[in-house]
Amino acid sequence: MHIYDGVTDIEFSLIEQEYTLPQSILADPPQVLKILNELPLPQRRLLILYAELRSVRKIARIYHCSKDVIANEINEIRKYYWKRVCG
């Protein structure tokens, strides 16, 4: 999936700063954070946007693609997460 190609006009730094964890948590993170940190940066950004906006449609407008593409990408991330959790 390459929905992230060419998306350079979005400023993620302020949102990412809000989601930056203190070093004390990163030293021994919970399993969910370990799994999320395994994701490539574009997928983590997508999850941050999904957490902030709670709308696939709004994210699709940001990325200039269909809501189905975003929904599919989020579902793939969910599958990856559950596969890692459940083995």
PDB file of N, CA and C in Angstrom:
ATOM      1  N   MET A   1       0.848  -1.173   0.000  1.00  0.00           N
ATOM      2  CA  MET A   1       0.000   0.000   0.000  1.00  0.00           C
ATOM      3  C   MET A   1       0.893   1.235   0.000  1.00  0.00           C
ATOM      4  N   HIS A   2       0.590   2.166  -0.891  1.00  0.00           N
ATOM      5  CA  HIS A   2       1.416   3.362  -1.009  1.00  0.00           C
ATOM      6  C   HIS A   2       0.568   4.621  -0.951  1.00  0.00           C
ATOM      7  N   ILE A   3      -0.329   4.689  -0.005  1.00  0.00           N
ATOM      8  CA  ILE A   3      -1.172   5.885   0.084  1.00  0.00           C
ATOM      9  C   ILE A   3      -0.400   7.076   0.601  1.00  0.00           C
ATOM     10  N   TYR A   4       0.816   6.847   1.084  1.00  0.00           N
ATOM     11  CA  TYR A   4       1.583   7.918   1.704  1.00  0.00           C
ATOM     12  C   TYR A   4       2.471   8.647   0.716  1.00  0.00           C
ATOM     13  N   ASP A   5       2.671   8.087  -0.469  1.00  0.00           N
ATOM     14  CA  ASP A   5       3.540   8.712  -1.451  1.00  0.00           C
ATOM     15  C   ASP A   5       3.001  10.086  -1.835  1.00  0.00           C
ATOM     16  N   GLY A   6       3.865  11.053  -1.788  1.00  0.00           N
ATOM     17  CA  GLY A   6       3.496  12.386  -2.232  1.00  0.00           C
ATOM     18  C   GLY A   6       2.771  13.225  -1.187  1.00  0.00           C
ATOM     19  N   VAL A   7       2.563  12.696   0.000  1.00  0.00           N
ATOM     20  CA  VAL A   7       1.890  13.470   1.031  1.00  0.00           C
ATOM     21  C   VAL A   7       2.954  14.218   1.822  1.00  0.00           C
ATOM     22  N   THR A   8       3.252  15.428   1.364  1.00  0.00           N
ATOM     23  CA  THR A   8       4.300  16.212   2.013  1.00  0.00           C
ATOM     24  C   THR A   8       3.769  17.506   2.616  1.00  0.00           C
ATOM     25  N   ASP A   9       2.516  17.856   2.309  1.00  0.00           N
ATOM     26  CA  ASP A   9       1.992  19.135   2.748  1.00  0.00           C
ATOM     27  C   ASP A   9       1.313  19.066   4.110  1.00  0.00           C
ATOM     28  N   ILE A  10       1.360  17.917   4.768  1.00  0.00           N
ATOM     29  CA  ILE A  10       0.708  17.761   6.060  1.00  0.00           C
ATOM     30  C   ILE A  10       1.763  17.874   7.156  1.00  0.00           C
ATOM     31  N   GLU A  11       1.496  18.707   8.125  1.00  0.00           N
ATOM     32  CA  GLU A  11       2.433  18.892   9.225  1.00  0.00           C
ATOM     33  C   GLU A  11       2.031  17.989  10.380  1.00  0.00           C
ATOM     34  N   PHE A  12       2.818  16.932  10.597  1.00  0.00           N
ATOM     35  CA  PHE A  12       2.528  15.979  11.646  1.00  0.00           C
ATOM     36  C   PHE A  12       3.286  16.258  12.933  1.00  0.00           C
ATOM     37  N   SER A  13       4.257  17.124  12.899  1.00  0.00           N
ATOM     38  CA  SER A  13       5.165  17.247  14.044  1.00  0.00           C
ATOM     39  C   SER A  13       4.442  17.615  15.335  1.00  0.00           C
ATOM     40  N   LEU A  14       3.478  18.519  15.281  1.00  0.00           N
ATOM     41  CA  LEU A  14       2.787  18.919  16.512  1.00  0.00           C
ATOM     42  C   LEU A  14       1.940  17.777  17.062  1.00  0.00           C
ATOM     43  N   ILE A  15       1.261  17.065  16.185  1.00  0.00           N
ATOM     44  CA  ILE A  15       0.461  15.920  16.627  1.00  0.00           C
ATOM     45  C   ILE A  15       1.373  14.840  17.185  1.00  0.00           C
ATOM     46  N   GLU A  16       2.481  14.565  16.507  1.00  0.00           N
ATOM     47  CA  GLU A  16       3.397  13.525  16.972  1.00  0.00           C
ATOM     48  C   GLU A  16       3.998  13.877  18.319  1.00  0.00           C
ATOM     49  N   GLN A  17       4.246  15.160  18.569  1.00  0.00           N
ATOM     50  CA  GLN A  17       4.791  15.567  19.858  1.00  0.00           C
ATOM     51  C   GLN A  17       3.837  15.206  20.992  1.00  0.00           C
ATOM     52  N   GLU A  18       2.537  15.330  20.736  1.00  0.00           N
ATOM     53  CA  GLU A  18       1.552  14.974  21.745  1.00  0.00           C
ATOM     54  C   GLU A  18       1.587  13.481  22.060  1.00  0.00           C
ATOM     55  N   TYR A  19       1.974  12.683  21.094  1.00  0.00           N
ATOM     56  CA  TYR A  19       1.991  11.235  21.265  1.00  0.00           C
ATOM     57  C   TYR A  19       3.379  10.695  21.609  1.00  0.00           C
ATOM     58  N   THR A  20       4.340  11.562  21.816  1.00  0.00           N
ATOM     59  CA  THR A  20       5.677  11.127  22.197  1.00  0.00           C
ATOM     60  C   THR A  20       5.655  10.738  23.668  1.00  0.00           C
ATOM     61  N   LEU A  21       6.192   9.563  23.940  1.00  0.00           N
ATOM     62  CA  LEU A  21       6.150   9.028  25.298  1.00  0.00           C
ATOM     63  C   LEU A  21       7.417   9.376  26.070  1.00  0.00           C
ATOM     64  N   PRO A  22       7.288   9.517  27.375  1.00  0.00           N
ATOM     65  CA  PRO A  22       8.471   9.760  28.199  1.00  0.00           C
ATOM     66  C   PRO A  22       9.419   8.562  28.167  1.00  0.00           C
ATOM     67  N   GLN A  23      10.705   8.825  28.367  1.00  0.00           N
ATOM     68  CA  GLN A  23      11.704   7.758  28.342  1.00  0.00           C
ATOM     69  C   GLN A  23      11.424   6.688  29.395  1.00  0.00           C
ATOM     70  N   SER A  24      10.823   7.066  30.519  1.00  0.00           N
ATOM     71  CA  SER A  24      10.541   6.082  31.568  1.00  0.00           C
ATOM     72  C   SER A  24       9.583   5.010  31.073  1.00  0.00           C
ATOM     73  N   ILE A  25       8.636   5.378  30.243  1.00  0.00           N
ATOM     74  CA  ILE A  25       7.707   4.394  29.688  1.00  0.00           C
ATOM     75  C   ILE A  25       8.387   3.608  28.575  1.00  0.00           C
ATOM     76  N   LEU A  26       9.207   4.282  27.781  1.00  0.00           N
ATOM     77  CA  LEU A  26       9.861   3.612  26.662  1.00  0.00           C
ATOM     78  C   LEU A  26      10.911   2.605  27.123  1.00  0.00           C
ATOM     79  N   ALA A  27      11.418   2.753  28.332  1.00  0.00           N
ATOM     80  CA  ALA A  27      12.415   1.810  28.843  1.00  0.00           C
ATOM     81  C   ALA A  27      11.825   0.406  28.985  1.00  0.00           C
ATOM     82  N   ASP A  28      10.582   0.315  29.404  1.00  0.00           N
ATOM     83  CA  ASP A  28       9.895  -0.976  29.525  1.00  0.00           C
ATOM     84  C   ASP A  28       8.436  -0.781  29.117  1.00  0.00           C
ATOM     85  N   PRO A  29       8.203  -0.605  27.811  1.00  0.00           N
ATOM     86  CA  PRO A  29       6.852  -0.259  27.365  1.00  0.00           C
ATOM     87  C   PRO A  29       5.885  -1.439  27.458  1.00  0.00           C
ATOM     88  N   PRO A  30       4.610  -1.132  27.620  1.00  0.00           N
ATOM     89  CA  PRO A  30       3.604  -2.194  27.542  1.00  0.00           C
ATOM     90  C   PRO A  30       3.621  -2.821  26.148  1.00  0.00           C
ATOM     91  N   GLN A  31       3.055  -4.005  26.046  1.00  0.00           N
ATOM     92  CA  GLN A  31       3.079  -4.741  24.784  1.00  0.00           C
ATOM     93  C   GLN A  31       2.473  -3.946  23.629  1.00  0.00           C
ATOM     94  N   VAL A  32       1.391  -3.231  23.895  1.00  0.00           N
ATOM     95  CA  VAL A  32       0.748  -2.470  22.829  1.00  0.00           C
ATOM     96  C   VAL A  32       1.708  -1.434  22.250  1.00  0.00           C
ATOM     97  N   LEU A  33       2.488  -0.784  23.094  1.00  0.00           N
ATOM     98  CA  LEU A  33       3.431   0.217  22.598  1.00  0.00           C
ATOM     99  C   LEU A  33       4.581  -0.419  21.842  1.00  0.00           C
ATOM    100  N   LYS A  34       5.015  -1.587  22.292  1.00  0.00           N
ATOM    101  CA  LYS A  34       6.066  -2.293  21.557  1.00  0.00           C
ATOM    102  C   LYS A  34       5.600  -2.597  20.137  1.00  0.00           C
ATOM    103  N   ILE A  35       4.379  -3.075  20.026  1.00  0.00           N
ATOM    104  CA  ILE A  35       3.835  -3.424  18.705  1.00  0.00           C
ATOM    105  C   ILE A  35       3.662  -2.174  17.853  1.00  0.00           C
ATOM    106  N   LEU A  36       3.131  -1.112  18.431  1.00  0.00           N
ATOM    107  CA  LEU A  36       2.944   0.125  17.665  1.00  0.00           C
ATOM    108  C   LEU A  36       4.274   0.703  17.199  1.00  0.00           C
ATOM    109  N   ASN A  37       5.303   0.583  18.018  1.00  0.00           N
ATOM    110  CA  ASN A  37       6.613   1.094  17.619  1.00  0.00           C
ATOM    111  C   ASN A  37       7.255   0.261  16.524  1.00  0.00           C
ATOM    112  N   GLU A  38       6.758  -0.965  16.296  1.00  0.00           N
ATOM    113  CA  GLU A  38       7.255  -1.786  15.191  1.00  0.00           C
ATOM    114  C   GLU A  38       6.715  -1.320  13.843  1.00  0.00           C
ATOM    115  N   LEU A  39       5.615  -0.596  13.871  1.00  0.00           N
ATOM    116  CA  LEU A  39       5.006  -0.138  12.624  1.00  0.00           C
ATOM    117  C   LEU A  39       5.879   0.918  11.967  1.00  0.00           C
ATOM    118  N   PRO A  40       5.875   0.938  10.641  1.00  0.00           N
ATOM    119  CA  PRO A  40       6.574   2.026   9.943  1.00  0.00           C
ATOM    120  C   PRO A  40       5.930   3.375  10.290  1.00  0.00           C
ATOM    121  N   LEU A  41       6.705   4.421  10.228  1.00  0.00           N
ATOM    122  CA  LEU A  41       6.225   5.761  10.572  1.00  0.00           C
ATOM    123  C   LEU A  41       4.928   6.143   9.852  1.00  0.00           C
ATOM    124  N   PRO A  42       4.791   5.904   8.558  1.00  0.00           N
ATOM    125  CA  PRO A  42       3.532   6.284   7.897  1.00  0.00           C
ATOM    126  C   PRO A  42       2.307   5.596   8.494  1.00  0.00           C
ATOM    127  N   GLN A  43       2.446   4.343   8.900  1.00  0.00           N
ATOM    128  CA  GLN A  43       1.309   3.651   9.506  1.00  0.00           C
ATOM    129  C   GLN A  43       1.020   4.190  10.904  1.00  0.00           C
ATOM    130  N   ARG A  44       2.068   4.519  11.646  1.00  0.00           N
ATOM    131  CA  ARG A  44       1.847   5.135  12.962  1.00  0.00           C
ATOM    132  C   ARG A  44       1.138   6.476  12.795  1.00  0.00           C
ATOM    133  N   ARG A  45       1.541   7.229  11.805  1.00  0.00           N
ATOM    134  CA  ARG A  45       0.886   8.522  11.547  1.00  0.00           C
ATOM    135  C   ARG A  45      -0.587   8.328  11.200  1.00  0.00           C
ATOM    136  N   LEU A  46      -0.865   7.318  10.414  1.00  0.00           N
ATOM    137  CA  LEU A  46      -2.251   7.031  10.047  1.00  0.00           C
ATOM    138  C   LEU A  46      -3.061   6.711  11.301  1.00  0.00           C
ATOM    139  N   LEU A  47      -2.510   5.924  12.208  1.00  0.00           N
ATOM    140  CA  LEU A  47      -3.214   5.599  13.445  1.00  0.00           C
ATOM    141  C   LEU A  47      -3.409   6.826  14.328  1.00  0.00           C
ATOM    142  N   ILE A  48      -2.414   7.702  14.342  1.00  0.00           N
ATOM    143  CA  ILE A  48      -2.547   8.942  15.116  1.00  0.00           C
ATOM    144  C   ILE A  48      -3.683   9.787  14.547  1.00  0.00           C
ATOM    145  N   LEU A  49      -3.713   9.912  13.237  1.00  0.00           N
ATOM    146  CA  LEU A  49      -4.810  10.668  12.621  1.00  0.00           C
ATOM    147  C   LEU A  49      -6.155  10.021  12.914  1.00  0.00           C
ATOM    148  N   TYR A  50      -6.195   8.707  12.858  1.00  0.00           N
ATOM    149  CA  TYR A  50      -7.448   7.985  13.131  1.00  0.00           C
ATOM    150  C   TYR A  50      -7.879   8.215  14.580  1.00  0.00           C
ATOM    151  N   ALA A  51      -6.923   8.216  15.498  1.00  0.00           N
ATOM    152  CA  ALA A  51      -7.237   8.479  16.909  1.00  0.00           C
ATOM    153  C   ALA A  51      -7.717   9.916  17.100  1.00  0.00           C
ATOM    154  N   GLU A  52      -7.114  10.846  16.401  1.00  0.00           N
ATOM    155  CA  GLU A  52      -7.473  12.255  16.539  1.00  0.00           C
ATOM    156  C   GLU A  52      -8.798  12.593  15.854  1.00  0.00           C
ATOM    157  N   LEU A  53      -8.949  12.136  14.630  1.00  0.00           N
ATOM    158  CA  LEU A  53     -10.102  12.535  13.824  1.00  0.00           C
ATOM    159  C   LEU A  53     -11.288  11.585  13.946  1.00  0.00           C
ATOM    160  N   ARG A  54     -11.018  10.320  14.242  1.00  0.00           N
ATOM    161  CA  ARG A  54     -12.041   9.279  14.348  1.00  0.00           C
ATOM    162  C   ARG A  54     -12.937   9.220  13.115  1.00  0.00           C
ATOM    163  N   SER A  55     -12.325   9.452  11.963  1.00  0.00           N
ATOM    164  CA  SER A  55     -13.090   9.450  10.721  1.00  0.00           C
ATOM    165  C   SER A  55     -12.209   9.020   9.556  1.00  0.00           C
ATOM    166  N   VAL A  56     -12.561   7.904   8.959  1.00  0.00           N
ATOM    167  CA  VAL A  56     -11.848   7.425   7.774  1.00  0.00           C
ATOM    168  C   VAL A  56     -12.034   8.412   6.632  1.00  0.00           C
ATOM    169  N   ARG A  57     -13.217   8.963   6.530  1.00  0.00           N
ATOM    170  CA  ARG A  57     -13.519   9.902   5.453  1.00  0.00           C
ATOM    171  C   ARG A  57     -12.643  11.158   5.530  1.00  0.00           C
ATOM    172  N   LYS A  58     -12.459  11.701   6.742  1.00  0.00           N
ATOM    173  CA  LYS A  58     -11.617  12.896   6.903  1.00  0.00           C
ATOM    174  C   LYS A  58     -10.163  12.590   6.565  1.00  0.00           C
ATOM    175  N   ILE A  59      -9.694  11.426   6.977  1.00  0.00           N
ATOM    176  CA  ILE A  59      -8.317  11.038   6.666  1.00  0.00           C
ATOM    177  C   ILE A  59      -8.146  10.871   5.159  1.00  0.00           C
ATOM    178  N   ALA A  60      -9.133  10.290   4.511  1.00  0.00           N
ATOM    179  CA  ALA A  60      -9.074  10.113   3.057  1.00  0.00           C
ATOM    180  C   ALA A  60      -8.961  11.461   2.351  1.00  0.00           C
ATOM    181  N   ARG A  61      -9.655  12.462   2.867  1.00  0.00           N
ATOM    182  CA  ARG A  61      -9.544  13.804   2.277  1.00  0.00           C
ATOM    183  C   ARG A  61      -8.130  14.359   2.440  1.00  0.00           C
ATOM    184  N   ILE A  62      -7.522  14.107   3.586  1.00  0.00           N
ATOM    185  CA  ILE A  62      -6.160  14.582   3.823  1.00  0.00           C
ATOM    186  C   ILE A  62      -5.184  13.926   2.854  1.00  0.00           C
ATOM    187  N   TYR A  63      -5.346  12.608   2.663  1.00  0.00           N
ATOM    188  CA  TYR A  63      -4.428  11.860   1.798  1.00  0.00           C
ATOM    189  C   TYR A  63      -4.840  11.874   0.325  1.00  0.00           C
ATOM    190  N   HIS A  64      -5.952  12.505   0.024  1.00  0.00           N
ATOM    191  CA  HIS A  64      -6.428  12.589  -1.365  1.00  0.00           C
ATOM    192  C   HIS A  64      -6.610  11.195  -1.976  1.00  0.00           C
ATOM    193  N   CYS A  65      -7.300  10.342  -1.239  1.00  0.00           N
ATOM    194  CA  CYS A  65      -7.599   9.005  -1.746  1.00  0.00           C
ATOM    195  C   CYS A  65      -8.985   8.610  -1.258  1.00  0.00           C
ATOM    196  N   SER A  66      -9.423   7.430  -1.641  1.00  0.00           N
ATOM    197  CA  SER A  66     -10.756   6.995  -1.244  1.00  0.00           C
ATOM    198  C   SER A  66     -10.772   6.544   0.212  1.00  0.00           C
ATOM    199  N   LYS A  67     -11.952   6.605   0.811  1.00  0.00           N
ATOM    200  CA  LYS A  67     -12.093   6.148   2.193  1.00  0.00           C
ATOM    201  C   LYS A  67     -11.869   4.644   2.287  1.00  0.00           C
ATOM    202  N   ASP A  68     -12.127   3.931   1.210  1.00  0.00           N
ATOM    203  CA  ASP A  68     -11.889   2.485   1.196  1.00  0.00           C
ATOM    204  C   ASP A  68     -10.403   2.161   1.338  1.00  0.00           C
ATOM    205  N   VAL A  69      -9.562   2.955   0.714  1.00  0.00           N
ATOM    206  CA  VAL A  69      -8.114   2.739   0.818  1.00  0.00           C
ATOM    207  C   VAL A  69      -7.668   2.922   2.272  1.00  0.00           C
ATOM    208  N   ILE A  70      -8.157   3.966   2.917  1.00  0.00           N
ATOM    209  CA  ILE A  70      -7.797   4.222   4.316  1.00  0.00           C
ATOM    210  C   ILE A  70      -8.360   3.123   5.213  1.00  0.00           C
ATOM    211  N   ALA A  71      -9.607   2.757   5.002  1.00  0.00           N
ATOM    212  CA  ALA A  71     -10.226   1.700   5.814  1.00  0.00           C
ATOM    213  C   ALA A  71      -9.464   0.390   5.668  1.00  0.00           C
ATOM    214  N   ASN A  72      -9.057   0.060   4.458  1.00  0.00           N
ATOM    215  CA  ASN A  72      -8.292  -1.169   4.236  1.00  0.00           C
ATOM    216  C   ASN A  72      -6.945  -1.120   4.945  1.00  0.00           C
ATOM    217  N   GLU A  73      -6.288   0.024   4.892  1.00  0.00           N
ATOM    218  CA  GLU A  73      -4.988   0.163   5.550  1.00  0.00           C
ATOM    219  C   GLU A  73      -5.140   0.027   7.070  1.00  0.00           C
ATOM    220  N   ILE A  74      -6.155   0.648   7.631  1.00  0.00           N
ATOM    221  CA  ILE A  74      -6.398   0.533   9.073  1.00  0.00           C
ATOM    222  C   ILE A  74      -6.717  -0.910   9.442  1.00  0.00           C
ATOM    223  N   ASN A  75      -7.488  -1.598   8.615  1.00  0.00           N
ATOM    224  CA  ASN A  75      -7.788  -3.012   8.879  1.00  0.00           C
ATOM    225  C   ASN A  75      -6.535  -3.871   8.817  1.00  0.00           C
ATOM    226  N   GLU A  76      -5.624  -3.572   7.908  1.00  0.00           N
ATOM    227  CA  GLU A  76      -4.360  -4.317   7.836  1.00  0.00           C
ATOM    228  C   GLU A  76      -3.524  -4.094   9.095  1.00  0.00           C
ATOM    229  N   ILE A  77      -3.536  -2.879   9.588  1.00  0.00           N
ATOM    230  CA  ILE A  77      -2.805  -2.581  10.825  1.00  0.00           C
ATOM    231  C   ILE A  77      -3.436  -3.334  11.987  1.00  0.00           C
ATOM    232  N   ARG A  78      -4.761  -3.360  12.033  1.00  0.00           N
ATOM    233  CA  ARG A  78      -5.453  -4.119  13.083  1.00  0.00           C
ATOM    234  C   ARG A  78      -5.088  -5.596  13.021  1.00  0.00           C
ATOM    235  N   LYS A  79      -5.094  -6.160  11.826  1.00  0.00           N
ATOM    236  CA  LYS A  79      -4.737  -7.579  11.670  1.00  0.00           C
ATOM    237  C   LYS A  79      -3.323  -7.841  12.162  1.00  0.00           C
ATOM    238  N   TYR A  80      -2.414  -6.950  11.809  1.00  0.00           N
ATOM    239  CA  TYR A  80      -1.024  -7.084  12.254  1.00  0.00           C
ATOM    240  C   TYR A  80      -0.959  -7.060  13.777  1.00  0.00           C
ATOM    241  N   TYR A  81      -1.669  -6.111  14.381  1.00  0.00           N
ATOM    242  CA  TYR A  81      -1.672  -5.983  15.825  1.00  0.00           C
ATOM    243  C   TYR A  81      -2.192  -7.262  16.484  1.00  0.00           C
ATOM    244  N   TRP A  82      -3.360  -7.739  16.036  1.00  0.00           N
ATOM    245  CA  TRP A  82      -3.947  -8.933  16.663  1.00  0.00           C
ATOM    246  C   TRP A  82      -3.116 -10.186  16.420  1.00  0.00           C
ATOM    247  N   LYS A  83      -2.475 -10.246  15.281  1.00  0.00           N
ATOM    248  CA  LYS A  83      -1.594 -11.375  15.011  1.00  0.00           C
ATOM    249  C   LYS A  83      -0.430 -11.385  16.004  1.00  0.00           C
ATOM    250  N   ARG A  84       0.113 -10.201  16.282  1.00  0.00           N
ATOM    251  CA  ARG A  84       1.234 -10.097  17.243  1.00  0.00           C
ATOM    252  C   ARG A  84       0.764 -10.384  18.667  1.00  0.00           C
ATOM    253  N   VAL A  85      -0.425  -9.953  19.013  1.00  0.00           N
ATOM    254  CA  VAL A  85      -0.946 -10.144  20.368  1.00  0.00           C
ATOM    255  C   VAL A  85      -1.315 -11.621  20.607  1.00  0.00           C
ATOM    256  N   CYS A  86      -2.011 -12.187  19.642  1.00  0.00           N
ATOM    257  CA  CYS A  86      -2.529 -13.552  19.817  1.00  0.00           C
ATOM    258  C   CYS A  86      -1.579 -14.630  19.329  1.00  0.00           C
ATOM    259  N   GLY A  87      -0.554 -14.205  18.630  1.00  0.00           N
ATOM    260  CA  GLY A  87       0.430 -15.171  18.147  1.00  0.00           C
ATOM    261  C   GLY A  87      -0.032 -15.840  16.935  1.00  0.00           C
TER     262      GLY A  87
END
